[in-house]
Amino acid sequence: MRYALPLLLLATPAFASVPPHSGIIHTRSMPELSDIALFVMAVGGVWLARRALRKRFAKQAGATPETASKD
């Protein structure tokens, strides 16, 4: 079992049929899908954090979240 990981790491490059980099540099014409997904997740996280903080501060002030001012 202790020989399995080194043998697996040794054999991994042998299975690659396409070289990892062709050497040709391409210009970027638009953001990648992963960049857009990361931005959407960050916006969602900020929105959730702000909503939770508004609820917490409204509760501490003695007001209900429905009567608190919404930003």
N, C-alpha and C. Protein backbone atom coordinates (compact mmCIF):
# COMPACT_ATOMS: atom_id res chain seq x y z
N MET A 1 0.82 -1.19 0.00
CA MET A 1 0.00 0.00 0.00
C MET A 1 0.86 1.26 0.00
N ARG A 2 2.00 1.21 0.69
CA ARG A 2 2.83 2.41 0.75
C ARG A 2 3.55 2.67 -0.57
N TYR A 3 3.55 1.70 -1.48
CA TYR A 3 4.16 1.91 -2.79
C TYR A 3 3.15 2.41 -3.82
N ALA A 4 1.87 2.40 -3.47
CA ALA A 4 0.84 2.76 -4.44
C ALA A 4 0.91 4.24 -4.84
N LEU A 5 1.04 5.15 -3.89
CA LEU A 5 1.06 6.57 -4.20
C LEU A 5 2.28 6.96 -5.03
N PRO A 6 3.49 6.56 -4.67
CA PRO A 6 4.62 6.92 -5.55
C PRO A 6 4.51 6.34 -6.95
N LEU A 7 3.99 5.12 -7.08
CA LEU A 7 3.82 4.54 -8.41
C LEU A 7 2.74 5.28 -9.20
N LEU A 8 1.70 5.70 -8.51
CA LEU A 8 0.64 6.45 -9.18
C LEU A 8 1.17 7.80 -9.67
N LEU A 9 1.94 8.49 -8.84
CA LEU A 9 2.51 9.77 -9.25
C LEU A 9 3.53 9.59 -10.36
N LEU A 10 4.23 8.48 -10.37
CA LEU A 10 5.22 8.22 -11.40
C LEU A 10 4.54 7.92 -12.74
N ALA A 11 3.41 7.24 -12.72
CA ALA A 11 2.75 6.83 -13.96
C ALA A 11 1.80 7.88 -14.52
N THR A 12 1.46 8.90 -13.77
CA THR A 12 0.49 9.89 -14.23
C THR A 12 0.92 10.60 -15.51
N PRO A 13 2.15 11.11 -15.65
CA PRO A 13 2.51 11.78 -16.90
C PRO A 13 2.50 10.85 -18.11
N ALA A 14 2.65 9.57 -17.91
CA ALA A 14 2.65 8.64 -19.03
C ALA A 14 1.26 8.52 -19.66
N PHE A 15 0.21 8.80 -18.91
CA PHE A 15 -1.14 8.69 -19.43
C PHE A 15 -1.57 9.94 -20.20
N ALA A 16 -0.84 11.01 -20.11
CA ALA A 16 -1.22 12.26 -20.77
C ALA A 16 -0.96 12.11 -22.27
N SER A 17 -2.00 12.25 -23.07
CA SER A 17 -1.84 12.11 -24.52
C SER A 17 -1.57 13.46 -25.18
N VAL A 18 -2.01 14.55 -24.56
CA VAL A 18 -1.81 15.89 -25.10
C VAL A 18 -0.81 16.61 -24.22
N PRO A 19 0.15 17.29 -24.80
CA PRO A 19 1.10 18.03 -23.95
C PRO A 19 0.36 19.11 -23.16
N PRO A 20 0.83 19.41 -21.96
CA PRO A 20 0.10 20.36 -21.11
C PRO A 20 0.12 21.78 -21.64
N HIS A 21 1.10 22.16 -22.43
CA HIS A 21 1.17 23.52 -22.94
C HIS A 21 1.74 23.48 -24.35
N SER A 22 1.04 24.14 -25.28
CA SER A 22 1.48 24.10 -26.66
C SER A 22 2.58 25.11 -26.96
N GLY A 23 2.74 26.12 -26.10
CA GLY A 23 3.75 27.14 -26.33
C GLY A 23 3.22 28.34 -27.07
N ILE A 24 1.96 28.29 -27.52
CA ILE A 24 1.35 29.40 -28.24
C ILE A 24 0.56 30.24 -27.25
N ILE A 25 0.80 31.54 -27.25
CA ILE A 25 0.10 32.44 -26.35
C ILE A 25 -1.12 33.01 -27.07
N HIS A 26 -2.28 32.87 -26.44
CA HIS A 26 -3.51 33.40 -27.01
C HIS A 26 -3.94 34.62 -26.21
N THR A 27 -4.51 35.60 -26.89
CA THR A 27 -5.03 36.76 -26.19
C THR A 27 -6.40 36.45 -25.63
N ARG A 28 -6.74 37.09 -24.51
CA ARG A 28 -8.04 36.87 -23.90
C ARG A 28 -9.02 37.88 -24.46
N SER A 29 -10.11 37.42 -25.00
CA SER A 29 -11.11 38.32 -25.57
C SER A 29 -12.24 38.61 -24.59
N MET A 30 -12.42 37.74 -23.62
CA MET A 30 -13.48 37.93 -22.62
C MET A 30 -13.13 37.13 -21.38
N PRO A 31 -13.80 37.41 -20.24
CA PRO A 31 -13.51 36.64 -19.03
C PRO A 31 -13.93 35.17 -19.18
N GLU A 32 -13.23 34.34 -18.49
CA GLU A 32 -13.58 32.93 -18.47
C GLU A 32 -14.86 32.72 -17.65
N LEU A 33 -15.51 31.61 -17.85
CA LEU A 33 -16.73 31.29 -17.12
C LEU A 33 -16.45 31.18 -15.63
N SER A 34 -15.29 30.67 -15.26
CA SER A 34 -14.95 30.55 -13.85
C SER A 34 -14.79 31.92 -13.20
N ASP A 35 -14.29 32.92 -13.95
CA ASP A 35 -14.18 34.28 -13.42
C ASP A 35 -15.56 34.85 -13.12
N ILE A 36 -16.49 34.63 -14.01
CA ILE A 36 -17.86 35.14 -13.83
C ILE A 36 -18.52 34.44 -12.66
N ALA A 37 -18.34 33.13 -12.54
CA ALA A 37 -18.92 32.37 -11.44
C ALA A 37 -18.35 32.82 -10.10
N LEU A 38 -17.05 33.09 -10.05
CA LEU A 38 -16.43 33.57 -8.82
C LEU A 38 -16.99 34.93 -8.42
N PHE A 39 -17.19 35.82 -9.38
CA PHE A 39 -17.75 37.13 -9.10
C PHE A 39 -19.18 37.01 -8.58
N VAL A 40 -19.99 36.14 -9.18
CA VAL A 40 -21.37 35.95 -8.74
C VAL A 40 -21.41 35.39 -7.32
N MET A 41 -20.54 34.44 -7.00
CA MET A 41 -20.49 33.89 -5.66
C MET A 41 -20.05 34.93 -4.64
N ALA A 42 -19.11 35.80 -5.01
CA ALA A 42 -18.67 36.85 -4.10
C ALA A 42 -19.79 37.85 -3.84
N VAL A 43 -20.53 38.22 -4.87
CA VAL A 43 -21.66 39.14 -4.70
C VAL A 43 -22.72 38.49 -3.80
N GLY A 44 -22.99 37.22 -4.01
CA GLY A 44 -23.95 36.51 -3.15
C GLY A 44 -23.50 36.45 -1.71
N GLY A 45 -22.23 36.24 -1.48
CA GLY A 45 -21.71 36.20 -0.11
C GLY A 45 -21.82 37.55 0.59
N VAL A 46 -21.52 38.62 -0.14
CA VAL A 46 -21.65 39.96 0.44
C VAL A 46 -23.11 40.26 0.75
N TRP A 47 -24.00 39.87 -0.16
CA TRP A 47 -25.43 40.11 0.05
C TRP A 47 -25.93 39.36 1.29
N LEU A 48 -25.53 38.09 1.43
CA LEU A 48 -25.95 37.31 2.60
C LEU A 48 -25.40 37.89 3.90
N ALA A 49 -24.15 38.32 3.88
CA ALA A 49 -23.55 38.89 5.09
C ALA A 49 -24.24 40.19 5.48
N ARG A 50 -24.53 41.03 4.51
CA ARG A 50 -25.22 42.30 4.81
C ARG A 50 -26.62 42.04 5.35
N ARG A 51 -27.31 41.06 4.78
CA ARG A 51 -28.66 40.74 5.25
C ARG A 51 -28.63 40.24 6.69
N ALA A 52 -27.66 39.38 7.00
CA ALA A 52 -27.54 38.85 8.36
C ALA A 52 -27.19 39.96 9.35
N LEU A 53 -26.31 40.87 8.97
CA LEU A 53 -25.94 41.96 9.86
C LEU A 53 -27.11 42.92 10.08
N ARG A 54 -27.88 43.19 9.03
CA ARG A 54 -29.06 44.06 9.19
C ARG A 54 -30.06 43.44 10.16
N LYS A 55 -30.28 42.12 10.03
CA LYS A 55 -31.18 41.44 10.96
C LYS A 55 -30.67 41.51 12.39
N ARG A 56 -29.37 41.28 12.58
CA ARG A 56 -28.79 41.30 13.92
C ARG A 56 -28.91 42.69 14.56
N PHE A 57 -28.57 43.72 13.81
CA PHE A 57 -28.62 45.06 14.38
C PHE A 57 -30.05 45.53 14.60
N ALA A 58 -30.98 45.08 13.74
CA ALA A 58 -32.38 45.44 13.95
C ALA A 58 -32.92 44.75 15.20
N LYS A 59 -32.49 43.53 15.44
CA LYS A 59 -32.92 42.80 16.62
C LYS A 59 -32.34 43.45 17.89
N GLN A 60 -31.09 43.89 17.83
CA GLN A 60 -30.47 44.54 18.98
C GLN A 60 -31.13 45.89 19.29
N ALA A 61 -31.60 46.58 18.27
CA ALA A 61 -32.23 47.88 18.46
C ALA A 61 -33.67 47.75 18.95
N GLY A 62 -34.19 46.55 18.96
CA GLY A 62 -35.56 46.32 19.43
C GLY A 62 -36.60 46.41 18.33
N ALA A 63 -36.17 46.63 17.11
CA ALA A 63 -37.10 46.70 15.99
C ALA A 63 -37.14 45.36 15.29
N THR A 64 -38.21 45.09 14.60
CA THR A 64 -38.30 43.88 13.82
C THR A 64 -37.66 44.14 12.46
N PRO A 65 -37.19 43.12 11.77
CA PRO A 65 -36.55 43.34 10.46
C PRO A 65 -37.49 43.95 9.43
N GLU A 66 -38.81 43.76 9.58
CA GLU A 66 -39.73 44.31 8.60
C GLU A 66 -39.85 45.83 8.73
N THR A 67 -39.70 46.36 9.95
CA THR A 67 -39.83 47.80 10.15
C THR A 67 -38.51 48.52 10.04
N ALA A 68 -37.40 47.77 9.98
CA ALA A 68 -36.09 48.41 9.85
C ALA A 68 -35.93 48.94 8.44
N SER A 69 -35.13 49.99 8.32
CA SER A 69 -34.91 50.56 6.99
C SER A 69 -34.08 49.60 6.17
N LYS A 70 -34.44 49.50 4.89
CA LYS A 70 -33.74 48.59 3.99
C LYS A 70 -32.81 49.39 3.11
N ASP A 71 -31.55 48.92 3.00
CA ASP A 71 -30.55 49.62 2.17
C ASP A 71 -30.59 49.11 0.77
